[in-house]
N, C-alpha and C. Protein backbone atom coordinates (compact mmCIF):
# COMPACT_ATOMS: atom_id res chain seq x y z
N UNK A 1 -65.24 74.11 -31.88
CA UNK A 1 -66.55 73.90 -32.45
C UNK A 1 -67.59 74.77 -31.74
N UNK A 2 -67.55 74.79 -30.40
CA UNK A 2 -68.54 75.59 -29.64
C UNK A 2 -68.36 77.07 -29.92
N UNK A 3 -67.13 77.51 -30.06
CA UNK A 3 -66.89 78.92 -30.37
C UNK A 3 -67.46 79.26 -31.74
N UNK A 4 -67.26 78.38 -32.71
CA UNK A 4 -67.78 78.61 -34.05
C UNK A 4 -69.31 78.64 -34.04
N UNK A 5 -69.94 77.69 -33.33
CA UNK A 5 -71.40 77.67 -33.25
C UNK A 5 -71.95 78.91 -32.56
N UNK A 6 -71.33 79.30 -31.46
CA UNK A 6 -71.83 80.48 -30.74
C UNK A 6 -71.61 81.76 -31.57
N UNK A 7 -70.50 81.83 -32.28
CA UNK A 7 -70.25 82.99 -33.13
C UNK A 7 -71.25 83.04 -34.28
N UNK A 8 -71.57 81.88 -34.84
CA UNK A 8 -72.56 81.82 -35.91
C UNK A 8 -73.94 82.26 -35.40
N UNK A 9 -74.31 81.83 -34.20
CA UNK A 9 -75.58 82.23 -33.59
C UNK A 9 -75.61 83.76 -33.39
N UNK A 10 -74.51 84.32 -32.91
CA UNK A 10 -74.44 85.78 -32.75
C UNK A 10 -74.58 86.49 -34.10
N UNK A 11 -73.93 85.95 -35.13
CA UNK A 11 -74.04 86.52 -36.46
C UNK A 11 -75.48 86.46 -36.96
N UNK A 12 -76.16 85.33 -36.76
CA UNK A 12 -77.57 85.21 -37.16
C UNK A 12 -78.44 86.21 -36.41
N UNK A 13 -78.19 86.36 -35.11
CA UNK A 13 -78.96 87.32 -34.30
C UNK A 13 -78.75 88.75 -34.77
N UNK A 14 -77.50 89.11 -35.06
CA UNK A 14 -77.21 90.46 -35.53
C UNK A 14 -77.86 90.70 -36.90
N UNK A 15 -77.79 89.71 -37.77
CA UNK A 15 -78.40 89.83 -39.11
C UNK A 15 -79.92 89.98 -39.00
N UNK A 16 -80.54 89.18 -38.14
CA UNK A 16 -81.99 89.26 -37.94
C UNK A 16 -82.37 90.63 -37.38
N UNK A 17 -81.59 91.14 -36.43
CA UNK A 17 -81.85 92.46 -35.85
C UNK A 17 -81.82 93.54 -36.94
N UNK A 18 -80.79 93.52 -37.77
CA UNK A 18 -80.67 94.52 -38.83
C UNK A 18 -81.82 94.40 -39.83
N UNK A 19 -82.21 93.18 -40.15
CA UNK A 19 -83.30 92.95 -41.09
C UNK A 19 -84.62 93.50 -40.54
N UNK A 20 -84.94 93.17 -39.30
CA UNK A 20 -86.20 93.63 -38.70
C UNK A 20 -86.19 95.14 -38.53
N UNK A 21 -85.07 95.69 -38.10
CA UNK A 21 -84.99 97.15 -37.92
C UNK A 21 -85.15 97.86 -39.26
N UNK A 22 -84.59 97.30 -40.30
CA UNK A 22 -84.72 97.89 -41.63
C UNK A 22 -86.19 97.87 -42.08
N UNK A 23 -86.87 96.74 -41.88
CA UNK A 23 -88.29 96.65 -42.24
C UNK A 23 -89.11 97.65 -41.43
N UNK A 24 -88.82 97.76 -40.15
CA UNK A 24 -89.58 98.68 -39.30
C UNK A 24 -89.32 100.14 -39.71
N UNK A 25 -88.09 100.46 -40.03
CA UNK A 25 -87.74 101.84 -40.42
C UNK A 25 -88.43 102.26 -41.70
N UNK A 26 -88.73 101.31 -42.57
CA UNK A 26 -89.38 101.62 -43.84
C UNK A 26 -90.90 101.74 -43.71
N UNK A 27 -91.44 101.35 -42.56
CA UNK A 27 -92.89 101.40 -42.39
C UNK A 27 -93.36 102.85 -42.34
N UNK A 28 -94.40 103.21 -43.12
CA UNK A 28 -94.83 104.62 -43.18
C UNK A 28 -95.30 105.18 -41.84
N UNK A 29 -95.93 104.36 -40.98
CA UNK A 29 -96.40 104.87 -39.69
C UNK A 29 -95.26 105.13 -38.71
N UNK A 30 -94.09 104.58 -38.99
CA UNK A 30 -92.97 104.75 -38.07
C UNK A 30 -91.96 105.80 -38.55
N UNK A 31 -92.25 106.45 -39.65
CA UNK A 31 -91.33 107.47 -40.18
C UNK A 31 -91.13 108.57 -39.15
N UNK A 32 -89.89 108.90 -38.87
CA UNK A 32 -89.56 109.98 -37.94
C UNK A 32 -89.66 109.61 -36.47
N UNK A 33 -89.91 108.37 -36.18
CA UNK A 33 -90.04 107.93 -34.78
C UNK A 33 -88.78 107.19 -34.37
N UNK A 34 -88.51 107.21 -33.08
CA UNK A 34 -87.39 106.42 -32.54
C UNK A 34 -87.83 104.97 -32.48
N UNK A 35 -87.00 104.07 -32.96
CA UNK A 35 -87.36 102.65 -33.07
C UNK A 35 -86.39 101.82 -32.24
N UNK A 36 -86.96 100.87 -31.52
CA UNK A 36 -86.18 99.90 -30.75
C UNK A 36 -86.65 98.51 -31.17
N UNK A 37 -85.71 97.66 -31.54
CA UNK A 37 -86.03 96.30 -31.97
C UNK A 37 -85.27 95.34 -31.08
N UNK A 38 -85.96 94.31 -30.61
CA UNK A 38 -85.30 93.31 -29.76
C UNK A 38 -85.96 91.95 -29.94
N UNK A 39 -85.19 90.88 -29.72
CA UNK A 39 -85.80 89.56 -29.84
C UNK A 39 -86.74 89.31 -28.67
N UNK A 40 -87.75 88.48 -28.92
CA UNK A 40 -88.59 88.04 -27.81
C UNK A 40 -87.76 87.05 -26.99
N UNK A 41 -88.16 86.74 -25.78
CA UNK A 41 -87.32 85.92 -24.90
C UNK A 41 -86.92 84.58 -25.49
N UNK A 42 -85.65 84.26 -25.34
CA UNK A 42 -85.07 82.94 -25.61
C UNK A 42 -85.03 82.54 -27.08
N UNK A 43 -85.02 83.49 -28.02
CA UNK A 43 -84.92 83.12 -29.42
C UNK A 43 -84.47 84.30 -30.26
N UNK A 44 -84.15 84.02 -31.53
CA UNK A 44 -83.82 85.09 -32.47
C UNK A 44 -84.75 85.05 -33.69
N UNK A 45 -85.83 84.29 -33.62
CA UNK A 45 -86.76 84.20 -34.74
C UNK A 45 -87.90 85.21 -34.63
N UNK A 46 -88.37 85.49 -33.43
CA UNK A 46 -89.49 86.40 -33.19
C UNK A 46 -88.96 87.67 -32.54
N UNK A 47 -89.42 88.81 -33.06
CA UNK A 47 -88.89 90.10 -32.64
C UNK A 47 -90.01 91.05 -32.25
N UNK A 48 -89.71 91.89 -31.27
CA UNK A 48 -90.63 92.95 -30.87
C UNK A 48 -90.11 94.26 -31.44
N UNK A 49 -91.02 95.02 -32.04
CA UNK A 49 -90.70 96.34 -32.57
C UNK A 49 -91.41 97.36 -31.69
N UNK A 50 -90.68 98.37 -31.24
CA UNK A 50 -91.22 99.43 -30.41
C UNK A 50 -90.81 100.76 -31.02
N UNK A 51 -91.74 101.67 -31.16
CA UNK A 51 -91.44 103.00 -31.66
C UNK A 51 -92.13 104.02 -30.77
N UNK A 52 -91.50 105.16 -30.58
CA UNK A 52 -92.08 106.20 -29.73
C UNK A 52 -92.01 107.56 -30.42
N UNK A 53 -93.00 108.38 -30.13
CA UNK A 53 -92.94 109.80 -30.43
C UNK A 53 -93.44 110.53 -29.19
N UNK A 54 -93.75 111.79 -29.29
CA UNK A 54 -94.11 112.56 -28.10
C UNK A 54 -95.49 112.23 -27.54
N UNK A 55 -96.38 111.65 -28.33
CA UNK A 55 -97.75 111.42 -27.87
C UNK A 55 -98.18 109.96 -27.87
N UNK A 56 -97.46 109.09 -28.57
CA UNK A 56 -97.85 107.68 -28.66
C UNK A 56 -96.63 106.78 -28.66
N UNK A 57 -96.89 105.51 -28.31
CA UNK A 57 -95.90 104.49 -28.59
C UNK A 57 -96.58 103.38 -29.36
N UNK A 58 -95.81 102.75 -30.21
CA UNK A 58 -96.30 101.74 -31.14
C UNK A 58 -95.55 100.45 -30.87
N UNK A 59 -96.26 99.34 -30.94
CA UNK A 59 -95.62 98.06 -30.71
C UNK A 59 -96.18 97.02 -31.67
N UNK A 60 -95.32 96.08 -32.03
CA UNK A 60 -95.71 94.99 -32.91
C UNK A 60 -94.73 93.85 -32.70
N UNK A 61 -95.11 92.68 -33.14
CA UNK A 61 -94.21 91.54 -33.13
C UNK A 61 -94.14 91.00 -34.54
N UNK A 62 -93.00 90.46 -34.89
CA UNK A 62 -92.81 89.90 -36.21
C UNK A 62 -91.86 88.73 -36.15
N UNK A 63 -91.74 88.06 -37.25
CA UNK A 63 -90.82 86.95 -37.37
C UNK A 63 -89.92 87.19 -38.57
N UNK A 64 -88.67 86.78 -38.46
CA UNK A 64 -87.78 86.90 -39.61
C UNK A 64 -88.16 85.89 -40.68
N UNK A 65 -88.99 84.91 -40.34
CA UNK A 65 -89.41 83.90 -41.30
C UNK A 65 -90.63 84.33 -42.11
N UNK A 66 -91.29 85.41 -41.69
CA UNK A 66 -92.47 85.90 -42.39
C UNK A 66 -92.04 86.68 -43.62
N UNK A 67 -92.65 86.39 -44.75
CA UNK A 67 -92.29 87.07 -45.98
C UNK A 67 -93.11 88.33 -46.24
N UNK A 68 -94.02 88.68 -45.35
CA UNK A 68 -94.89 89.83 -45.57
C UNK A 68 -94.15 91.13 -45.32
N UNK A 69 -94.63 92.19 -45.94
CA UNK A 69 -94.02 93.49 -45.74
C UNK A 69 -94.89 94.40 -44.88
N UNK A 70 -96.06 93.94 -44.47
CA UNK A 70 -96.96 94.74 -43.63
C UNK A 70 -96.57 94.59 -42.16
N UNK A 71 -96.91 95.57 -41.38
CA UNK A 71 -96.65 95.55 -39.94
C UNK A 71 -97.95 95.83 -39.22
N UNK A 72 -98.37 94.92 -38.36
CA UNK A 72 -99.59 95.08 -37.58
C UNK A 72 -99.25 95.85 -36.31
N UNK A 73 -99.30 97.16 -36.42
CA UNK A 73 -98.94 98.04 -35.30
C UNK A 73 -100.13 98.27 -34.39
N UNK A 74 -99.84 98.30 -33.11
CA UNK A 74 -100.83 98.74 -32.12
C UNK A 74 -100.26 100.00 -31.50
N UNK A 75 -101.10 101.01 -31.35
CA UNK A 75 -100.62 102.26 -30.75
C UNK A 75 -101.32 102.51 -29.43
N UNK A 76 -100.59 103.17 -28.55
CA UNK A 76 -101.08 103.48 -27.21
C UNK A 76 -100.69 104.92 -26.88
N UNK A 77 -101.51 105.61 -26.08
CA UNK A 77 -101.13 106.97 -25.69
C UNK A 77 -99.87 106.97 -24.83
N UNK A 78 -99.08 108.01 -24.98
CA UNK A 78 -97.82 108.11 -24.25
C UNK A 78 -97.68 109.50 -23.65
N UNK A 79 -97.31 109.55 -22.38
CA UNK A 79 -96.98 110.82 -21.72
C UNK A 79 -95.48 110.85 -21.50
N UNK A 80 -94.83 111.92 -21.93
CA UNK A 80 -93.40 112.04 -21.72
C UNK A 80 -93.07 112.89 -20.49
N UNK A 81 -94.11 113.43 -19.89
CA UNK A 81 -93.95 114.21 -18.66
C UNK A 81 -95.28 114.21 -17.92
N UNK A 82 -95.27 114.73 -16.71
CA UNK A 82 -96.52 114.82 -15.94
C UNK A 82 -97.49 115.75 -16.65
N UNK A 83 -98.80 115.57 -16.43
CA UNK A 83 -99.78 116.49 -17.03
C UNK A 83 -99.46 117.94 -16.68
N UNK A 84 -99.92 118.86 -17.55
CA UNK A 84 -99.57 120.27 -17.45
C UNK A 84 -99.78 120.87 -16.06
N UNK A 85 -100.88 120.51 -15.39
CA UNK A 85 -101.16 121.13 -14.09
C UNK A 85 -100.19 120.64 -13.00
N UNK A 86 -99.35 119.65 -13.31
CA UNK A 86 -98.32 119.21 -12.37
C UNK A 86 -96.92 119.46 -12.91
N UNK A 87 -96.83 120.08 -14.07
CA UNK A 87 -95.53 120.23 -14.76
C UNK A 87 -94.52 121.02 -13.95
N UNK A 88 -94.99 121.93 -13.08
CA UNK A 88 -94.03 122.73 -12.31
C UNK A 88 -93.49 121.97 -11.10
N UNK A 89 -93.98 120.76 -10.85
CA UNK A 89 -93.51 119.96 -9.73
C UNK A 89 -92.16 119.32 -10.06
N UNK A 90 -91.33 119.23 -9.07
CA UNK A 90 -90.01 118.62 -9.23
C UNK A 90 -90.12 117.10 -9.11
N UNK A 91 -89.66 116.39 -10.14
CA UNK A 91 -89.66 114.93 -10.10
C UNK A 91 -88.50 114.43 -9.25
N UNK A 92 -88.67 113.32 -8.56
CA UNK A 92 -87.55 112.73 -7.82
C UNK A 92 -86.40 112.41 -8.78
N UNK A 93 -85.17 112.53 -8.29
CA UNK A 93 -84.00 112.28 -9.14
C UNK A 93 -84.01 110.84 -9.67
N UNK A 94 -84.55 109.91 -8.90
CA UNK A 94 -84.59 108.52 -9.37
C UNK A 94 -85.49 108.37 -10.60
N UNK A 95 -86.53 109.19 -10.71
CA UNK A 95 -87.42 109.13 -11.87
C UNK A 95 -86.70 109.70 -13.09
N UNK A 96 -85.99 110.80 -12.90
CA UNK A 96 -85.19 111.37 -14.00
C UNK A 96 -84.12 110.38 -14.45
N UNK A 97 -83.52 109.69 -13.51
CA UNK A 97 -82.51 108.69 -13.84
C UNK A 97 -83.15 107.54 -14.61
N UNK A 98 -84.37 107.16 -14.26
CA UNK A 98 -85.10 106.11 -14.97
C UNK A 98 -85.37 106.53 -16.42
N UNK A 99 -85.77 107.79 -16.63
CA UNK A 99 -85.97 108.31 -17.99
C UNK A 99 -84.69 108.13 -18.80
N UNK A 100 -83.56 108.51 -18.19
CA UNK A 100 -82.28 108.38 -18.87
C UNK A 100 -81.95 106.91 -19.15
N UNK A 101 -82.15 106.03 -18.17
CA UNK A 101 -81.82 104.62 -18.30
C UNK A 101 -82.61 103.96 -19.44
N UNK A 102 -83.86 104.35 -19.63
CA UNK A 102 -84.69 103.75 -20.68
C UNK A 102 -84.35 104.30 -22.06
N UNK A 103 -83.45 105.25 -22.12
CA UNK A 103 -83.04 105.86 -23.39
C UNK A 103 -84.24 106.48 -24.13
N UNK A 104 -85.19 106.98 -23.36
CA UNK A 104 -86.36 107.64 -23.93
C UNK A 104 -87.53 106.72 -24.23
N UNK A 105 -87.39 105.43 -24.00
CA UNK A 105 -88.48 104.48 -24.25
C UNK A 105 -89.24 104.22 -22.96
N UNK A 106 -89.96 105.25 -22.51
CA UNK A 106 -90.74 105.18 -21.28
C UNK A 106 -92.06 105.89 -21.50
N UNK A 107 -92.97 105.69 -20.57
CA UNK A 107 -94.21 106.45 -20.56
C UNK A 107 -94.64 106.68 -19.12
N UNK A 108 -95.29 107.79 -18.89
CA UNK A 108 -95.92 108.06 -17.61
C UNK A 108 -97.39 107.69 -17.72
N UNK A 109 -97.98 107.29 -16.60
CA UNK A 109 -99.41 107.01 -16.54
C UNK A 109 -99.91 107.40 -15.16
N UNK A 110 -101.20 107.75 -15.10
CA UNK A 110 -101.83 108.01 -13.83
C UNK A 110 -102.75 106.84 -13.53
N UNK A 111 -102.36 106.01 -12.56
CA UNK A 111 -103.16 104.84 -12.20
C UNK A 111 -103.85 105.08 -10.87
N UNK A 112 -104.63 104.10 -10.43
CA UNK A 112 -105.29 104.22 -9.13
C UNK A 112 -104.28 104.31 -8.00
N UNK A 113 -103.11 103.68 -8.19
CA UNK A 113 -102.08 103.71 -7.16
C UNK A 113 -101.25 104.98 -7.19
N UNK A 114 -101.38 105.78 -8.23
CA UNK A 114 -100.64 107.03 -8.34
C UNK A 114 -99.97 107.14 -9.70
N UNK A 115 -99.09 108.14 -9.84
CA UNK A 115 -98.35 108.30 -11.08
C UNK A 115 -97.28 107.23 -11.17
N UNK A 116 -97.15 106.66 -12.36
CA UNK A 116 -96.12 105.64 -12.54
C UNK A 116 -95.36 105.92 -13.82
N UNK A 117 -94.17 105.37 -13.87
CA UNK A 117 -93.34 105.42 -15.06
C UNK A 117 -93.01 103.98 -15.42
N UNK A 118 -93.06 103.66 -16.73
CA UNK A 118 -92.83 102.29 -17.20
C UNK A 118 -91.76 102.27 -18.27
N UNK A 119 -90.91 101.26 -18.21
CA UNK A 119 -89.91 100.99 -19.23
C UNK A 119 -90.59 100.19 -20.33
N UNK A 120 -90.73 100.77 -21.51
CA UNK A 120 -91.46 100.13 -22.60
C UNK A 120 -90.66 99.05 -23.31
N UNK A 121 -89.37 98.97 -23.04
CA UNK A 121 -88.52 98.01 -23.74
C UNK A 121 -88.68 96.60 -23.21
N UNK A 122 -89.14 96.44 -21.99
CA UNK A 122 -89.25 95.13 -21.37
C UNK A 122 -90.73 94.81 -21.17
N UNK A 123 -91.19 93.73 -21.75
CA UNK A 123 -92.58 93.33 -21.64
C UNK A 123 -93.35 93.66 -22.91
N UNK A 124 -94.64 93.40 -22.87
CA UNK A 124 -95.54 93.69 -23.98
C UNK A 124 -96.74 94.45 -23.42
N UNK A 125 -97.28 95.37 -24.21
CA UNK A 125 -98.42 96.16 -23.76
C UNK A 125 -99.58 95.23 -23.42
N UNK A 126 -100.25 95.46 -22.33
CA UNK A 126 -100.07 96.49 -21.31
C UNK A 126 -99.24 96.01 -20.11
N UNK A 127 -98.53 94.89 -20.25
CA UNK A 127 -97.76 94.33 -19.13
C UNK A 127 -96.30 94.74 -19.22
N UNK A 128 -95.92 95.70 -18.41
CA UNK A 128 -94.53 96.14 -18.36
C UNK A 128 -94.03 95.93 -16.94
N UNK A 129 -93.16 94.94 -16.75
CA UNK A 129 -92.73 94.59 -15.39
C UNK A 129 -91.91 95.66 -14.69
N UNK A 130 -91.26 96.54 -15.45
CA UNK A 130 -90.49 97.59 -14.82
C UNK A 130 -91.28 98.89 -14.83
N UNK A 131 -92.27 98.93 -13.96
CA UNK A 131 -93.12 100.10 -13.76
C UNK A 131 -93.06 100.47 -12.29
N UNK A 132 -92.93 101.77 -12.03
CA UNK A 132 -92.77 102.24 -10.65
C UNK A 132 -93.70 103.40 -10.36
N UNK A 133 -94.38 103.32 -9.23
CA UNK A 133 -95.23 104.42 -8.75
C UNK A 133 -94.34 105.35 -7.95
N UNK A 134 -94.44 106.66 -8.25
CA UNK A 134 -93.53 107.61 -7.60
C UNK A 134 -94.23 108.84 -7.01
N UNK A 135 -95.56 108.90 -7.07
CA UNK A 135 -96.26 110.04 -6.49
C UNK A 135 -97.75 109.96 -6.70
N UNK A 136 -98.46 110.83 -6.00
CA UNK A 136 -99.92 110.88 -6.10
C UNK A 136 -100.37 112.30 -6.40
N UNK A 137 -101.50 112.38 -7.10
CA UNK A 137 -102.13 113.67 -7.34
C UNK A 137 -103.15 113.92 -6.22
N UNK A 138 -103.09 115.08 -5.65
CA UNK A 138 -104.06 115.47 -4.62
C UNK A 138 -104.66 116.81 -5.02
N UNK A 139 -105.60 117.28 -4.22
CA UNK A 139 -106.19 118.60 -4.49
C UNK A 139 -105.16 119.71 -4.38
N UNK A 140 -104.14 119.50 -3.57
CA UNK A 140 -103.13 120.54 -3.39
C UNK A 140 -101.96 120.39 -4.35
N UNK A 141 -102.00 119.39 -5.25
CA UNK A 141 -100.93 119.23 -6.23
C UNK A 141 -100.38 117.82 -6.26
N UNK A 142 -99.18 117.73 -6.73
CA UNK A 142 -98.50 116.45 -6.87
C UNK A 142 -97.62 116.21 -5.65
N UNK A 143 -97.74 115.05 -5.04
CA UNK A 143 -96.93 114.71 -3.87
C UNK A 143 -96.02 113.53 -4.25
N UNK A 144 -94.71 113.79 -4.43
CA UNK A 144 -93.80 112.70 -4.78
C UNK A 144 -93.48 111.82 -3.57
N UNK A 145 -93.15 110.58 -3.82
CA UNK A 145 -92.65 109.69 -2.77
C UNK A 145 -91.61 108.77 -3.41
N UNK A 146 -90.82 108.09 -2.61
CA UNK A 146 -89.81 107.19 -3.20
C UNK A 146 -90.49 106.16 -4.11
N UNK A 147 -89.92 105.93 -5.30
CA UNK A 147 -90.55 104.98 -6.22
C UNK A 147 -90.65 103.58 -5.63
N UNK A 148 -91.77 102.93 -5.91
CA UNK A 148 -91.94 101.53 -5.52
C UNK A 148 -92.54 100.78 -6.69
N UNK A 149 -92.25 99.52 -6.78
CA UNK A 149 -92.68 98.69 -7.90
C UNK A 149 -94.20 98.70 -8.01
N UNK A 150 -94.70 98.89 -9.22
CA UNK A 150 -96.13 98.92 -9.48
C UNK A 150 -96.67 97.49 -9.45
N UNK A 151 -97.69 97.29 -8.67
CA UNK A 151 -98.34 95.98 -8.58
C UNK A 151 -99.55 96.00 -9.49
N UNK A 152 -99.37 95.57 -10.73
CA UNK A 152 -100.44 95.55 -11.70
C UNK A 152 -101.34 94.35 -11.50
N UNK A 153 -102.27 94.18 -12.41
CA UNK A 153 -103.16 93.02 -12.30
C UNK A 153 -102.36 91.72 -12.43
N UNK A 154 -102.77 90.75 -11.68
CA UNK A 154 -102.10 89.44 -11.70
C UNK A 154 -102.32 88.80 -13.06
N UNK A 155 -101.24 88.33 -13.68
CA UNK A 155 -101.36 87.67 -14.97
C UNK A 155 -101.56 86.18 -14.76
N UNK A 156 -102.33 85.58 -15.65
CA UNK A 156 -102.53 84.14 -15.61
C UNK A 156 -102.07 83.55 -16.94
N UNK A 157 -102.37 82.30 -17.15
CA UNK A 157 -101.90 81.63 -18.36
C UNK A 157 -102.52 82.19 -19.64
N UNK A 158 -103.61 82.93 -19.54
CA UNK A 158 -104.21 83.50 -20.74
C UNK A 158 -103.28 84.53 -21.38
N UNK A 159 -102.41 85.16 -20.59
CA UNK A 159 -101.47 86.12 -21.17
C UNK A 159 -100.45 85.42 -22.06
N UNK A 160 -100.21 84.13 -21.83
CA UNK A 160 -99.30 83.39 -22.71
C UNK A 160 -99.89 83.23 -24.10
N UNK A 161 -101.20 83.07 -24.18
CA UNK A 161 -101.82 82.95 -25.50
C UNK A 161 -101.71 84.28 -26.25
N UNK A 162 -101.79 85.40 -25.53
CA UNK A 162 -101.60 86.70 -26.18
C UNK A 162 -100.19 86.83 -26.73
N UNK A 163 -99.21 86.38 -25.98
CA UNK A 163 -97.82 86.42 -26.45
C UNK A 163 -97.67 85.54 -27.68
N UNK A 164 -98.31 84.37 -27.67
CA UNK A 164 -98.23 83.48 -28.82
C UNK A 164 -98.83 84.14 -30.06
N UNK A 165 -99.97 84.83 -29.89
CA UNK A 165 -100.58 85.52 -31.02
C UNK A 165 -99.65 86.59 -31.57
N UNK A 166 -98.98 87.32 -30.67
CA UNK A 166 -98.04 88.34 -31.11
C UNK A 166 -96.89 87.74 -31.89
N UNK A 167 -96.43 86.58 -31.47
CA UNK A 167 -95.22 86.01 -32.03
C UNK A 167 -95.46 84.95 -33.10
N UNK A 168 -96.70 84.81 -33.57
CA UNK A 168 -96.94 83.78 -34.58
C UNK A 168 -96.21 84.15 -35.87
N UNK A 169 -95.98 83.16 -36.69
CA UNK A 169 -95.20 83.39 -37.92
C UNK A 169 -95.88 84.34 -38.88
N UNK A 170 -97.19 84.35 -38.89
CA UNK A 170 -97.91 85.27 -39.75
C UNK A 170 -98.94 86.03 -38.91
N UNK A 171 -98.49 87.01 -38.12
CA UNK A 171 -99.41 87.76 -37.28
C UNK A 171 -100.48 88.45 -38.12
N UNK A 172 -101.55 88.85 -37.43
CA UNK A 172 -102.61 89.62 -38.10
C UNK A 172 -101.94 90.79 -38.80
N UNK A 173 -102.27 91.02 -40.03
CA UNK A 173 -101.60 92.07 -40.78
C UNK A 173 -100.43 91.52 -41.57
N UNK A 174 -100.02 90.26 -41.26
CA UNK A 174 -99.07 89.53 -42.07
C UNK A 174 -97.64 89.98 -41.96
N UNK A 175 -97.23 90.73 -40.96
CA UNK A 175 -95.81 91.09 -40.90
C UNK A 175 -95.15 90.39 -39.80
């Protein structure tokens, strides 16, 4: 019985994944972009859609229970490499390995703590728990250092309400 129930749950999850990915692939703003679809934590009803191109990444949440065909996309600037004036600098091998590990779903940013790289697949914008600072910009150029976990702003319970808004059955835009 447990094997049948767990297999049925896996089948439902796979079906929901294919359904959401199909809807996302048909969206006109996502044409030609790499798309990653994954369930939100602990369920198969609410899904996060992530798409990337060379200059932006797009994110949205949806539900398989929503009958709408619209997608409420939010877009954010994306850097796929260091800014041009640092482009000739050699990145640490761990940063290159991180690019590979994320399968291209990453972004670079220049924060007060230095240059960081973030895995866009885990978390919701702007909170990405797998972000690492790996160097600083100075007047003499880019100075790399061993990556260390980025300490972003402390989240409080208000971020849970943002997640709820993202995952509601009929998000803004109705998808």
